[in-house]
Every structure is written in structure tokens, then in C-alpha cells.
PDB file of N, CA and C in Angstrom:
ATOM      1  N   MET A   1       0.773  -1.150   0.075  1.00  0.00           N
ATOM      2  CA  MET A   1       0.044  -0.072   0.275  1.00  0.00           C
ATOM      3  C   MET A   1       1.034   1.401   0.057  1.00  0.00           C
ATOM      4  N   ILE A   2       0.610   2.103  -0.914  1.00  0.00           N
ATOM      5  CA  ILE A   2       1.233   3.238  -1.101  1.00  0.00           C
ATOM      6  C   ILE A   2       0.466   4.688  -0.417  1.00  0.00           C
ATOM      7  N   ALA A   3       1.468   5.053   0.699  1.00  0.00           N
ATOM      8  CA  ALA A   3       0.895   5.945   1.611  1.00  0.00           C
ATOM      9  C   ALA A   3       0.744   7.352   0.645  1.00  0.00           C
ATOM     10  N   GLU A   4      -0.317   8.315   0.847  1.00  0.00           N
ATOM     11  CA  GLU A   4      -0.623   9.165   0.162  1.00  0.00           C
ATOM     12  C   GLU A   4       0.312  10.309   0.480  1.00  0.00           C
ATOM     13  N   GLU A   5       0.718  11.215  -0.146  1.00  0.00           N
ATOM     14  CA  GLU A   5       1.396  12.288  -0.144  1.00  0.00           C
ATOM     15  C   GLU A   5       0.691  13.353   0.642  1.00  0.00           C
ATOM     16  N   SER A   6       1.563  13.821   1.550  1.00  0.00           N
ATOM     17  CA  SER A   6       0.584  14.994   2.161  1.00  0.00           C
ATOM     18  C   SER A   6       0.753  16.374   1.502  1.00  0.00           C
ATOM     19  N   GLU A   7      -0.464  17.246   1.142  1.00  0.00           N
ATOM     20  CA  GLU A   7       0.054  18.280   0.551  1.00  0.00           C
ATOM     21  C   GLU A   7       0.529  19.517   1.468  1.00  0.00           C
ATOM     22  N   PHE A   8       1.279  20.251   1.070  1.00  0.00           N
ATOM     23  CA  PHE A   8       2.077  21.269   1.926  1.00  0.00           C
ATOM     24  C   PHE A   8       0.899  22.172   1.906  1.00  0.00           C
ATOM     25  N   PRO A   9       0.942  22.903   3.415  1.00  0.00           N
ATOM     26  CA  PRO A   9       0.008  23.985   3.588  1.00  0.00           C
ATOM     27  C   PRO A   9       0.213  25.354   2.919  1.00  0.00           C
ATOM     28  N   GLN A  10      -1.319  25.432   2.935  1.00  0.00           N
ATOM     29  CA  GLN A  10      -0.645  26.729   1.911  1.00  0.00           C
ATOM     30  C   GLN A  10      -0.469  27.976   2.794  1.00  0.00           C
ATOM     31  N   ILE A  11       0.312  28.765   2.658  1.00  0.00           N
ATOM     32  CA  ILE A  11       0.711  29.798   3.517  1.00  0.00           C
ATOM     33  C   ILE A  11       0.737  31.260   2.930  1.00  0.00           C
ATOM     34  N   MET A  12       0.248  31.298   1.758  1.00  0.00           N
ATOM     35  CA  MET A  12      -0.621  32.334   1.194  1.00  0.00           C
ATOM     36  C   MET A  12      -1.168  32.093   0.183  1.00  0.00           C
ATOM     37  N   SER A  13      -2.457  33.014  -0.105  1.00  0.00           N
ATOM     38  CA  SER A  13      -3.465  32.414  -1.322  1.00  0.00           C
ATOM     39  C   SER A  13      -2.994  33.296  -2.247  1.00  0.00           C
ATOM     40  N   ASP A  14      -3.513  32.866  -3.374  1.00  0.00           N
ATOM     41  CA  ASP A  14      -2.899  33.314  -4.653  1.00  0.00           C
ATOM     42  C   ASP A  14      -3.095  35.139  -4.768  1.00  0.00           C
ATOM     43  N   ALA A  15      -4.394  35.102  -4.537  1.00  0.00           N
ATOM     44  CA  ALA A  15      -4.569  36.878  -4.193  1.00  0.00           C
ATOM     45  C   ALA A  15      -3.653  37.225  -3.385  1.00  0.00           C
ATOM     46  N   GLU A  16      -3.218  36.898  -2.389  1.00  0.00           N
ATOM     47  CA  GLU A  16      -2.284  37.525  -1.183  1.00  0.00           C
ATOM     48  C   GLU A  16      -0.843  37.737  -2.077  1.00  0.00           C
ATOM     49  N   ILE A  17      -0.656  36.659  -2.623  1.00  0.00           N
ATOM     50  CA  ILE A  17       0.871  36.662  -3.878  1.00  0.00           C
ATOM     51  C   ILE A  17       0.597  37.561  -4.643  1.00  0.00           C
ATOM     52  N   ASP A  18      -0.306  37.936  -5.441  1.00  0.00           N
ATOM     53  CA  ASP A  18      -0.703  38.884  -6.367  1.00  0.00           C
ATOM     54  C   ASP A  18      -0.571  39.899  -6.037  1.00  0.00           C
ATOM     55  N   ALA A  19      -0.932  40.419  -4.620  1.00  0.00           N
ATOM     56  CA  ALA A  19      -1.111  41.892  -4.013  1.00  0.00           C
ATOM     57  C   ALA A  19      -0.037  42.189  -3.502  1.00  0.00           C
ATOM     58  N   SER A  20       1.033  41.186  -3.147  1.00  0.00           N
ATOM     59  CA  SER A  20       2.223  41.540  -2.600  1.00  0.00           C
ATOM     60  C   SER A  20       3.038  41.677  -3.826  1.00  0.00           C
ATOM     61  N   ILE A  21       2.848  41.667  -4.906  1.00  0.00           N
ATOM     62  CA  ILE A  21       4.021  41.926  -6.117  1.00  0.00           C
ATOM     63  C   ILE A  21       3.827  43.388  -6.396  1.00  0.00           C
ATOM     64  N   ALA A  22       5.039  44.165  -6.380  1.00  0.00           N
ATOM     65  CA  ALA A  22       4.795  45.638  -6.774  1.00  0.00           C
ATOM     66  C   ALA A  22       4.275  45.514  -8.105  1.00  0.00           C
ATOM     67  N   ILE A  23       3.562  46.537  -8.437  1.00  0.00           N
ATOM     68  CA  ILE A  23       3.087  47.107  -9.912  1.00  0.00           C
ATOM     69  C   ILE A  23       4.446  47.062 -11.016  1.00  0.00           C
ATOM     70  N   SER A  24       5.121  47.734 -10.419  1.00  0.00           N
ATOM     71  CA  SER A  24       6.288  47.933 -11.330  1.00  0.00           C
ATOM     72  C   SER A  24       7.187  46.633 -11.918  1.00  0.00           C
ATOM     73  N   GLU A  25       6.773  45.539 -10.865  1.00  0.00           N
ATOM     74  CA  GLU A  25       7.508  44.096 -11.191  1.00  0.00           C
ATOM     75  C   GLU A  25       6.455  43.356 -12.243  1.00  0.00           C
ATOM     76  N   VAL A  26       5.008  43.629 -12.286  1.00  0.00           N
ATOM     77  CA  VAL A  26       4.118  43.105 -13.484  1.00  0.00           C
ATOM     78  C   VAL A  26       4.521  43.688 -14.651  1.00  0.00           C
ATOM     79  N   VAL A  27       4.889  43.078 -15.749  1.00  0.00           N
ATOM     80  CA  VAL A  27       5.091  43.580 -17.051  1.00  0.00           C
ATOM     81  C   VAL A  27       4.397  42.434 -18.216  1.00  0.00           C
ATOM     82  N   ASP A  28       3.542  43.611 -18.736  1.00  0.00           N
ATOM     83  CA  ASP A  28       2.765  43.078 -19.795  1.00  0.00           C
ATOM     84  C   ASP A  28       3.606  42.473 -21.282  1.00  0.00           C
ATOM     85  N   GLN A  29       3.744  41.382 -21.074  1.00  0.00           N
ATOM     86  CA  GLN A  29       4.761  40.753 -22.435  1.00  0.00           C
ATOM     87  C   GLN A  29       4.571  40.906 -23.639  1.00  0.00           C
ATOM     88  N   LYS A  30       3.328  41.565 -24.002  1.00  0.00           N
ATOM     89  CA  LYS A  30       3.078  42.024 -25.231  1.00  0.00           C
ATOM     90  C   LYS A  30       3.610  43.407 -25.531  1.00  0.00           C
ATOM     91  N   ASN A  31       3.881  43.726 -24.697  1.00  0.00           N
ATOM     92  CA  ASN A  31       4.233  45.390 -25.103  1.00  0.00           C
ATOM     93  C   ASN A  31       5.597  45.635 -24.848  1.00  0.00           C
ATOM     94  N   GLN A  32       6.461  44.332 -23.819  1.00  0.00           N
ATOM     95  CA  GLN A  32       7.884  44.607 -24.034  1.00  0.00           C
ATOM     96  C   GLN A  32       8.585  44.062 -25.031  1.00  0.00           C
ATOM     97  N   ARG A  33       9.460  45.102 -25.663  1.00  0.00           N
ATOM     98  CA  ARG A  33      10.687  44.575 -26.584  1.00  0.00           C
ATOM     99  C   ARG A  33      11.499  43.937 -26.026  1.00  0.00           C
ATOM    100  N   GLN A  34      11.595  42.658 -27.020  1.00  0.00           N
ATOM    101  CA  GLN A  34      12.929  42.072 -26.427  1.00  0.00           C
ATOM    102  C   GLN A  34      14.205  42.944 -27.118  1.00  0.00           C
ATOM    103  N   PRO A  35      15.260  42.685 -26.132  1.00  0.00           N
ATOM    104  CA  PRO A  35      16.484  42.881 -27.118  1.00  0.00           C
ATOM    105  C   PRO A  35      17.145  42.135 -28.107  1.00  0.00           C
ATOM    106  N   THR A  36      17.598  43.162 -29.433  1.00  0.00           N
ATOM    107  CA  THR A  36      18.018  41.841 -30.541  1.00  0.00           C
ATOM    108  C   THR A  36      19.546  41.578 -30.335  1.00  0.00           C
ATOM    109  N   ASP A  37      19.741  40.471 -30.971  1.00  0.00           N
ATOM    110  CA  ASP A  37      21.092  39.723 -30.968  1.00  0.00           C
ATOM    111  C   ASP A  37      22.203  40.933 -30.759  1.00  0.00           C
ATOM    112  N   ARG A  38      22.026  41.993 -31.742  1.00  0.00           N
ATOM    113  CA  ARG A  38      23.211  42.602 -31.836  1.00  0.00           C
ATOM    114  C   ARG A  38      23.096  43.683 -30.166  1.00  0.00           C
ATOM    115  N   GLU A  39      22.280  43.611 -29.774  1.00  0.00           N
ATOM    116  CA  GLU A  39      22.482  44.513 -28.424  1.00  0.00           C
ATOM    117  C   GLU A  39      22.791  43.548 -27.654  1.00  0.00           C
ATOM    118  N   LEU A  40      22.399  42.415 -27.708  1.00  0.00           N
ATOM    119  CA  LEU A  40      22.760  41.282 -26.496  1.00  0.00           C
ATOM    120  C   LEU A  40      24.250  41.258 -26.369  1.00  0.00           C
ATOM    121  N   THR A  41      24.732  40.876 -27.695  1.00  0.00           N
ATOM    122  CA  THR A  41      26.172  40.741 -28.060  1.00  0.00           C
ATOM    123  C   THR A  41      26.904  42.080 -27.615  1.00  0.00           C
ATOM    124  N   GLU A  42      26.642  43.353 -27.903  1.00  0.00           N
ATOM    125  CA  GLU A  42      27.173  44.518 -27.485  1.00  0.00           C
ATOM    126  C   GLU A  42      27.246  44.786 -25.980  1.00  0.00           C
ATOM    127  N   GLU A  43      26.257  44.105 -25.374  1.00  0.00           N
ATOM    128  CA  GLU A  43      26.305  44.572 -23.829  1.00  0.00           C
ATOM    129  C   GLU A  43      27.189  43.542 -23.483  1.00  0.00           C
ATOM    130  N   ALA A  44      26.780  41.887 -23.880  1.00  0.00           N
ATOM    131  CA  ALA A  44      28.137  41.054 -23.337  1.00  0.00           C
ATOM    132  C   ALA A  44      29.672  41.531 -23.644  1.00  0.00           C
ATOM    133  N   VAL A  45      29.429  41.786 -24.798  1.00  0.00           N
ATOM    134  CA  VAL A  45      31.024  42.336 -24.614  1.00  0.00           C
ATOM    135  C   VAL A  45      31.616  43.654 -23.832  1.00  0.00           C
ATOM    136  N   ALA A  46      30.770  44.532 -23.992  1.00  0.00           N
ATOM    137  CA  ALA A  46      31.160  45.801 -22.912  1.00  0.00           C
ATOM    138  C   ALA A  46      31.336  45.283 -21.222  1.00  0.00           C
ATOM    139  N   LEU A  47      30.279  44.151 -21.205  1.00  0.00           N
ATOM    140  CA  LEU A  47      30.580  43.707 -19.655  1.00  0.00           C
ATOM    141  C   LEU A  47      31.907  42.821 -19.602  1.00  0.00           C
ATOM    142  N   LEU A  48      32.162  42.247 -20.535  1.00  0.00           N
ATOM    143  CA  LEU A  48      33.270  41.625 -20.490  1.00  0.00           C
ATOM    144  C   LEU A  48      34.739  42.057 -20.376  1.00  0.00           C
ATOM    145  N   LYS A  49      34.487  43.204 -21.182  1.00  0.00           N
ATOM    146  CA  LYS A  49      35.686  44.114 -21.641  1.00  0.00           C
ATOM    147  C   LYS A  49      35.911  45.015 -20.136  1.00  0.00           C
ATOM    148  N   THR A  50      35.032  45.430 -19.365  1.00  0.00           N
ATOM    149  CA  THR A  50      35.279  45.891 -18.171  1.00  0.00           C
ATOM    150  C   THR A  50      35.452  45.360 -17.034  1.00  0.00           C
ATOM    151  N   LEU A  51      34.721  43.989 -16.933  1.00  0.00           N
ATOM    152  CA  LEU A  51      35.088  42.978 -15.365  1.00  0.00           C
ATOM    153  C   LEU A  51      36.036  42.118 -15.903  1.00  0.00           C
ATOM    154  N   PHE A  52      36.542  41.592 -16.814  1.00  0.00           N
ATOM    155  CA  PHE A  52      37.323  40.695 -17.338  1.00  0.00           C
ATOM    156  C   PHE A  52      37.860  40.770 -18.848  1.00  0.00           C
ATOM    157  N   PRO A  53      39.193  41.687 -18.481  1.00  0.00           N
ATOM    158  CA  PRO A  53      39.612  42.391 -20.055  1.00  0.00           C
ATOM    159  C   PRO A  53      40.441  41.306 -20.716  1.00  0.00           C
ATOM    160  N   ARG A  54      41.270  40.234 -19.880  1.00  0.00           N
ATOM    161  CA  ARG A  54      41.863  39.293 -20.454  1.00  0.00           C
ATOM    162  C   ARG A  54      41.051  38.301 -20.853  1.00  0.00           C
ATOM    163  N   ILE A  55      39.808  37.742 -20.548  1.00  0.00           N
ATOM    164  CA  ILE A  55      38.931  37.134 -21.247  1.00  0.00           C
ATOM    165  C   ILE A  55      38.192  37.767 -22.767  1.00  0.00           C
ATOM    166  N   HIS A  56      37.992  39.066 -22.296  1.00  0.00           N
ATOM    167  CA  HIS A  56      37.675  40.055 -23.523  1.00  0.00           C
ATOM    168  C   HIS A  56      38.618  39.591 -24.700  1.00  0.00           C
ATOM    169  N   GLN A  57      39.908  40.125 -24.312  1.00  0.00           N
ATOM    170  CA  GLN A  57      41.079  40.011 -25.512  1.00  0.00           C
ATOM    171  C   GLN A  57      41.036  38.776 -26.100  1.00  0.00           C
ATOM    172  N   ASN A  58      41.062  37.624 -25.009  1.00  0.00           N
ATOM    173  CA  ASN A  58      40.936  36.177 -25.639  1.00  0.00           C
ATOM    174  C   ASN A  58      40.232  35.880 -26.644  1.00  0.00           C
ATOM    175  N   LEU A  59      38.871  36.420 -26.242  1.00  0.00           N
ATOM    176  CA  LEU A  59      37.754  36.145 -26.949  1.00  0.00           C
ATOM    177  C   LEU A  59      37.921  37.005 -28.257  1.00  0.00           C
ATOM    178  N   VAL A  60      38.237  38.231 -28.479  1.00  0.00           N
ATOM    179  CA  VAL A  60      38.584  39.116 -29.587  1.00  0.00           C
ATOM    180  C   VAL A  60      39.476  38.199 -30.655  1.00  0.00           C
ATOM    181  N   THR A  61      40.251  37.670 -30.215  1.00  0.00           N
ATOM    182  CA  THR A  61      41.749  37.018 -30.840  1.00  0.00           C
ATOM    183  C   THR A  61      40.972  35.557 -31.384  1.00  0.00           C
ATOM    184  N   LEU A  62      40.347  34.873 -30.504  1.00  0.00           N
ATOM    185  CA  LEU A  62      40.003  33.645 -30.815  1.00  0.00           C
ATOM    186  C   LEU A  62      38.588  33.295 -31.836  1.00  0.00           C
ATOM    187  N   TRP A  63      37.762  34.443 -31.697  1.00  0.00           N
ATOM    188  CA  TRP A  63      36.637  34.825 -32.151  1.00  0.00           C
ATOM    189  C   TRP A  63      36.408  34.043 -33.734  1.00  0.00           C
ATOM    190  N   GLY A  64      35.269  33.137 -33.825  1.00  0.00           N
ATOM    191  CA  GLY A  64      35.116  32.622 -35.502  1.00  0.00           C
ATOM    192  C   GLY A  64      36.334  31.362 -35.415  1.00  0.00           C
ATOM    193  N   THR A  65      36.717  30.783 -34.516  1.00  0.00           N
ATOM    194  CA  THR A  65      37.737  29.799 -34.740  1.00  0.00           C
ATOM    195  C   THR A  65      37.389  28.796 -33.757  1.00  0.00           C
ATOM    196  N   GLY A  66      37.960  27.344 -34.159  1.00  0.00           N
ATOM    197  CA  GLY A  66      37.450  25.990 -33.308  1.00  0.00           C
ATOM    198  C   GLY A  66      37.936  26.495 -32.047  1.00  0.00           C
ATOM    199  N   PRO A  67      39.180  27.029 -31.606  1.00  0.00           N
ATOM    200  CA  PRO A  67      39.933  27.513 -30.607  1.00  0.00           C
ATOM    201  C   PRO A  67      38.905  28.041 -29.876  1.00  0.00           C
ATOM    202  N   GLY A  68      38.473  29.386 -30.291  1.00  0.00           N
ATOM    203  CA  GLY A  68      37.277  30.025 -30.071  1.00  0.00           C
ATOM    204  C   GLY A  68      35.978  29.661 -29.248  1.00  0.00           C
ATOM    205  N   GLU A  69      35.649  28.537 -29.709  1.00  0.00           N
ATOM    206  CA  GLU A  69      34.371  27.724 -29.656  1.00  0.00           C
ATOM    207  C   GLU A  69      35.013  26.877 -28.158  1.00  0.00           C
ATOM    208  N   ASP A  70      36.233  26.090 -28.386  1.00  0.00           N
ATOM    209  CA  ASP A  70      36.532  25.448 -26.886  1.00  0.00           C
ATOM    210  C   ASP A  70      36.752  26.566 -26.012  1.00  0.00           C
ATOM    211  N   TYR A  71      37.314  27.614 -26.105  1.00  0.00           N
ATOM    212  CA  TYR A  71      37.879  28.566 -25.048  1.00  0.00           C
ATOM    213  C   TYR A  71      36.207  28.854 -24.476  1.00  0.00           C
ATOM    214  N   LEU A  72      35.352  29.396 -25.310  1.00  0.00           N
ATOM    215  CA  LEU A  72      33.952  29.496 -24.742  1.00  0.00           C
ATOM    216  C   LEU A  72      33.358  28.433 -23.848  1.00  0.00           C
ATOM    217  N   ASP A  73      33.318  27.397 -24.459  1.00  0.00           N
ATOM    218  CA  ASP A  73      33.083  26.100 -23.755  1.00  0.00           C
ATOM    219  C   ASP A  73      33.674  25.792 -22.464  1.00  0.00           C
ATOM    220  N   GLY A  74      34.945  26.126 -22.468  1.00  0.00           N
ATOM    221  CA  GLY A  74      35.790  25.709 -21.306  1.00  0.00           C
ATOM    222  C   GLY A  74      35.444  27.196 -20.321  1.00  0.00           C
ATOM    223  N   LEU A  75      34.931  28.335 -20.408  1.00  0.00           N
ATOM    224  CA  LEU A  75      34.782  29.097 -19.645  1.00  0.00           C
ATOM    225  C   LEU A  75      33.153  29.010 -19.127  1.00  0.00           C
ATOM    226  N   ILE A  76      32.471  28.108 -19.596  1.00  0.00           N
ATOM    227  CA  ILE A  76      31.046  27.967 -19.285  1.00  0.00           C
ATOM    228  C   ILE A  76      30.914  26.824 -18.251  1.00  0.00           C
ATOM    229  N   MET A  77      31.560  25.605 -19.021  1.00  0.00           N
ATOM    230  CA  MET A  77      31.695  24.590 -18.176  1.00  0.00           C
ATOM    231  C   MET A  77      33.127  24.238 -17.631  1.00  0.00           C
ATOM    232  N   ASP A  78      33.204  24.236 -16.367  1.00  0.00           N
ATOM    233  CA  ASP A  78      34.521  24.168 -15.565  1.00  0.00           C
ATOM    234  C   ASP A  78      34.913  22.644 -15.783  1.00  0.00           C
ATOM    235  N   ASP A  79      36.258  22.325 -16.007  1.00  0.00           N
ATOM    236  CA  ASP A  79      36.667  21.137 -16.559  1.00  0.00           C
ATOM    237  C   ASP A  79      38.003  20.861 -15.681  1.00  0.00           C
ATOM    238  N   ARG A  80      38.237  21.925 -14.750  1.00  0.00           N
ATOM    239  CA  ARG A  80      39.375  21.510 -13.871  1.00  0.00           C
ATOM    240  C   ARG A  80      38.487  21.506 -12.476  1.00  0.00           C
ATOM    241  N   GLY A  81      37.510  21.703 -12.359  1.00  0.00           N
ATOM    242  CA  GLY A  81      36.937  21.247 -11.220  1.00  0.00           C
ATOM    243  C   GLY A  81      36.864  21.909  -9.874  1.00  0.00           C
ATOM    244  N   ASN A  82      37.660  23.010 -10.085  1.00  0.00           N
ATOM    245  CA  ASN A  82      37.946  23.706  -9.042  1.00  0.00           C
ATOM    246  C   ASN A  82      37.683  25.565  -8.733  1.00  0.00           C
ATOM    247  N   ARG A  83      37.252  25.625  -9.611  1.00  0.00           N
ATOM    248  CA  ARG A  83      36.425  27.309 -10.086  1.00  0.00           C
ATOM    249  C   ARG A  83      35.458  27.592  -9.323  1.00  0.00           C
ATOM    250  N   GLN A  84      35.322  28.695  -8.975  1.00  0.00           N
ATOM    251  CA  GLN A  84      34.165  29.316  -8.504  1.00  0.00           C
ATOM    252  C   GLN A  84      33.121  29.794  -9.400  1.00  0.00           C
ATOM    253  N   GLY A  85      33.503  29.899 -10.303  1.00  0.00           N
ATOM    254  CA  GLY A  85      32.229  30.658 -11.494  1.00  0.00           C
ATOM    255  C   GLY A  85      32.168  31.858 -11.635  1.00  0.00           C
ATOM    256  N   PHE A  86      31.535  32.673 -12.694  1.00  0.00           N
ATOM    257  CA  PHE A  86      31.209  33.736 -12.687  1.00  0.00           C
ATOM    258  C   PHE A  86      29.873  34.245 -11.952  1.00  0.00           C
ATOM    259  N   PRO A  87      29.716  35.797 -11.897  1.00  0.00           N
ATOM    260  CA  PRO A  87      28.708  36.080 -11.421  1.00  0.00           C
ATOM    261  C   PRO A  87      27.562  35.974 -12.275  1.00  0.00           C
ATOM    262  N   PRO A  88      26.425  36.248 -11.850  1.00  0.00           N
ATOM    263  CA  PRO A  88      25.253  35.912 -12.790  1.00  0.00           C
ATOM    264  C   PRO A  88      25.296  36.672 -14.413  1.00  0.00           C
ATOM    265  N   ASP A  89      25.632  37.751 -14.107  1.00  0.00           N
ATOM    266  CA  ASP A  89      25.430  38.766 -15.234  1.00  0.00           C
ATOM    267  C   ASP A  89      26.386  38.444 -16.624  1.00  0.00           C
ATOM    268  N   VAL A  90      27.341  37.880 -16.029  1.00  0.00           N
ATOM    269  CA  VAL A  90      28.705  37.849 -16.833  1.00  0.00           C
ATOM    270  C   VAL A  90      28.193  36.263 -17.721  1.00  0.00           C
ATOM    271  N   PHE A  91      28.095  35.433 -16.213  1.00  0.00           N
ATOM    272  CA  PHE A  91      27.675  34.024 -16.974  1.00  0.00           C
ATOM    273  C   PHE A  91      26.691  34.030 -18.190  1.00  0.00           C
ATOM    274  N   ARG A  92      25.848  35.033 -17.907  1.00  0.00           N
ATOM    275  CA  ARG A  92      24.606  35.012 -18.908  1.00  0.00           C
ATOM    276  C   ARG A  92      25.476  35.955 -20.320  1.00  0.00           C
ATOM    277  N   ALA A  93      25.888  36.581 -20.021  1.00  0.00           N
ATOM    278  CA  ALA A  93      27.120  37.363 -21.146  1.00  0.00           C
ATOM    279  C   ALA A  93      27.628  36.406 -22.079  1.00  0.00           C
ATOM    280  N   LEU A  94      28.416  35.042 -21.171  1.00  0.00           N
ATOM    281  CA  LEU A  94      29.167  34.448 -21.783  1.00  0.00           C
ATOM    282  C   LEU A  94      28.178  33.232 -22.689  1.00  0.00           C
ATOM    283  N   LEU A  95      27.076  33.072 -22.049  1.00  0.00           N
ATOM    284  CA  LEU A  95      26.004  32.258 -22.887  1.00  0.00           C
ATOM    285  C   LEU A  95      25.774  32.760 -24.264  1.00  0.00           C
ATOM    286  N   VAL A  96      25.180  34.174 -24.324  1.00  0.00           N
ATOM    287  CA  VAL A  96      24.717  34.924 -25.096  1.00  0.00           C
ATOM    288  C   VAL A  96      26.005  34.834 -26.482  1.00  0.00           C
ATOM    289  N   LEU A  97      27.246  34.758 -25.877  1.00  0.00           N
ATOM    290  CA  LEU A  97      28.374  35.265 -26.837  1.00  0.00           C
ATOM    291  C   LEU A  97      28.314  33.554 -27.352  1.00  0.00           C
ATOM    292  N   GLN A  98      28.316  32.370 -26.843  1.00  0.00           N
ATOM    293  CA  GLN A  98      28.451  31.073 -26.979  1.00  0.00           C
ATOM    294  C   GLN A  98      27.131  30.792 -28.200  1.00  0.00           C
ATOM    295  N   ARG A  99      26.265  31.338 -27.862  1.00  0.00           N
ATOM    296  CA  ARG A  99      25.086  31.023 -28.927  1.00  0.00           C
ATOM    297  C   ARG A  99      25.397  31.903 -30.080  1.00  0.00           C
ATOM    298  N   ILE A 100      25.763  33.310 -30.044  1.00  0.00           N
ATOM    299  CA  ILE A 100      25.895  33.921 -31.203  1.00  0.00           C
ATOM    300  C   ILE A 100      27.327  33.317 -31.808  1.00  0.00           C
ATOM    301  N   HIS A 101      28.306  32.798 -31.515  1.00  0.00           N
ATOM    302  CA  HIS A 101      29.220  32.415 -32.296  1.00  0.00           C
ATOM    303  C   HIS A 101      28.744  31.268 -32.999  1.00  0.00           C
ATOM    304  N   PHE A 102      27.968  30.260 -32.039  1.00  0.00           N
ATOM    305  CA  PHE A 102      27.330  28.678 -32.714  1.00  0.00           C
ATOM    306  C   PHE A 102      26.219  29.177 -33.964  1.00  0.00           C
ATOM    307  N   GLN A 103      25.716  30.424 -33.677  1.00  0.00           N
ATOM    308  CA  GLN A 103      24.789  30.706 -34.984  1.00  0.00           C
ATOM    309  C   GLN A 103      25.393  31.191 -36.223  1.00  0.00           C
ATOM    310  N   THR A 104      26.789  31.750 -35.675  1.00  0.00           N
ATOM    311  CA  THR A 104      27.400  32.478 -36.927  1.00  0.00           C
ATOM    312  C   THR A 104      28.332  31.281 -37.826  1.00  0.00           C
ATOM    313  N   PHE A 105      28.941  30.727 -36.915  1.00  0.00           N
ATOM    314  CA  PHE A 105      29.947  29.614 -37.541  1.00  0.00           C
ATOM    315  C   PHE A 105      29.561  28.330 -37.162  1.00  0.00           C
ATOM    316  N   GLY A 106      28.664  27.948 -36.763  1.00  0.00           N
ATOM    317  CA  GLY A 106      28.330  26.220 -36.306  1.00  0.00           C
ATOM    318  C   GLY A 106      29.300  25.897 -35.530  1.00  0.00           C
ATOM    319  N   THR A 107      29.593  24.754 -35.268  1.00  0.00           N
ATOM    320  CA  THR A 107      30.242  24.280 -34.659  1.00  0.00           C
ATOM    321  C   THR A 107      31.726  23.811 -35.119  1.00  0.00           C
ATOM    322  N   PHE A 108      32.794  23.534 -34.861  1.00  0.00           N
ATOM    323  CA  PHE A 108      34.144  22.969 -35.336  1.00  0.00           C
ATOM    324  C   PHE A 108      34.616  21.705 -34.875  1.00  0.00           C
ATOM    325  N   LYS A 109      33.897  21.280 -33.839  1.00  0.00           N
ATOM    326  CA  LYS A 109      34.226  19.948 -33.237  1.00  0.00           C
ATOM    327  C   LYS A 109      33.403  18.919 -34.322  1.00  0.00           C
ATOM    328  N   LYS A 110      34.570  17.746 -34.323  1.00  0.00           N
ATOM    329  CA  LYS A 110      34.203  16.740 -35.494  1.00  0.00           C
ATOM    330  C   LYS A 110      33.279  15.630 -34.347  1.00  0.00           C
ATOM    331  N   ILE A 111      32.065  15.810 -34.907  1.00  0.00           N
ATOM    332  CA  ILE A 111      30.995  14.693 -34.010  1.00  0.00           C
ATOM    333  C   ILE A 111      30.812  13.733 -34.969  1.00  0.00           C
ATOM    334  N   ASP A 112      30.761  12.146 -34.136  1.00  0.00           N
ATOM    335  CA  ASP A 112      30.481  11.346 -34.929  1.00  0.00           C
ATOM    336  C   ASP A 112      29.134  10.396 -34.257  1.00  0.00           C
ATOM    337  N   PRO A 113      28.349  10.611 -34.832  1.00  0.00           N
ATOM    338  CA  PRO A 113      26.915  10.260 -34.252  1.00  0.00           C
ATOM    339  C   PRO A 113      26.657   9.348 -33.617  1.00  0.00           C
ATOM    340  N   TRP A 114      27.678   8.075 -33.868  1.00  0.00           N
ATOM    341  CA  TRP A 114      27.806   6.973 -33.120  1.00  0.00           C
ATOM    342  C   TRP A 114      28.391   6.904 -31.709  1.00  0.00           C
ATOM    343  N   ASP A 115      29.240   8.143 -31.413  1.00  0.00           N
ATOM    344  CA  ASP A 115      29.960   8.049 -30.187  1.00  0.00           C
ATOM    345  C   ASP A 115      28.938   9.022 -29.327  1.00  0.00           C
ATOM    346  N   VAL A 116      27.987   9.378 -29.547  1.00  0.00           N
ATOM    347  CA  VAL A 116      27.506  10.303 -28.783  1.00  0.00           C
ATOM    348  C   VAL A 116      27.247   9.696 -27.356  1.00  0.00           C
ATOM    349  N   GLY A 117      27.573  10.107 -26.303  1.00  0.00           N
ATOM    350  CA  GLY A 117      27.241   9.678 -24.925  1.00  0.00           C
ATOM    351  C   GLY A 117      28.335   8.816 -24.482  1.00  0.00           C
ATOM    352  N   LEU A 118      29.313   8.381 -25.100  1.00  0.00           N
ATOM    353  CA  LEU A 118      30.493   7.455 -25.118  1.00  0.00           C
ATOM    354  C   LEU A 118      31.826   8.631 -24.502  1.00  0.00           C
ATOM    355  N   LYS A 119      32.474   7.934 -23.640  1.00  0.00           N
ATOM    356  CA  LYS A 119      33.647   8.910 -23.320  1.00  0.00           C
ATOM    357  C   LYS A 119      34.639   8.046 -23.615  1.00  0.00           C
ATOM    358  N   PRO A 120      35.916   8.855 -24.047  1.00  0.00           N
ATOM    359  CA  PRO A 120      37.025   8.334 -24.656  1.00  0.00           C
ATOM    360  C   PRO A 120      37.732   7.483 -23.451  1.00  0.00           C
TER     361      PRO A 120
END
């Protein structure tokens, strides 16, 4: 016999939660303009140039190359196991640049579909 899971007690009603949200936080998604890829890229580059100039310079040098793809991947996924990570806004900037790099140049990695999920 499987015991029924008890429901969590309701702390606040939906109406109370809605009332506690400031009107400035409520945004009509239809009227909000989404930033373009160009704007996102410019913002990401400016942020990296200000906070991490060495990373910015490496990306400028490696942009559009296989090593550039590997460099971005290495910044996003820690392969050394001892990194503390980037602040959230810098991490988002790196993800934007990784997406733009992939959309612009594709991947430089040689992928064998039969090897997916296998480790060397």
C-alpha cells in the first residue's frame, strides 16, 4: 500500500501573493520589446571588457575559430573542477556569446553520431 503524499500547507493565497507583487514588477509581455542579438552581444562584450579584460581580449583574438569555441565552452563548463564561477550577469553574457558564435559559425567539433554519450 502506497501512502498518500500530504500536501504542503498553503501559506499565502494566490490573491495575497499577487497583491504583494509591486506593480512595477508586473510586465505586459506583449508590450515589452525583446533585445536584439546585436544589442545582447554589444552588452555582453562591454561587460566582459570592463570586468574581465583578459577574457575579452582572448575572445576577440579567437572569435570565429575552433579554439574560440573551445575557449567559450571551457569558460562556461568548468573542466578543472575547482573554479568558483562567474557572477550571474557575466555568465549570461558568456552564454549569449556562445549562442551567437554557434549561430554564426556552427561548430568546429568533429562529432561522430555513433559516439554520442561515449567517453574516450
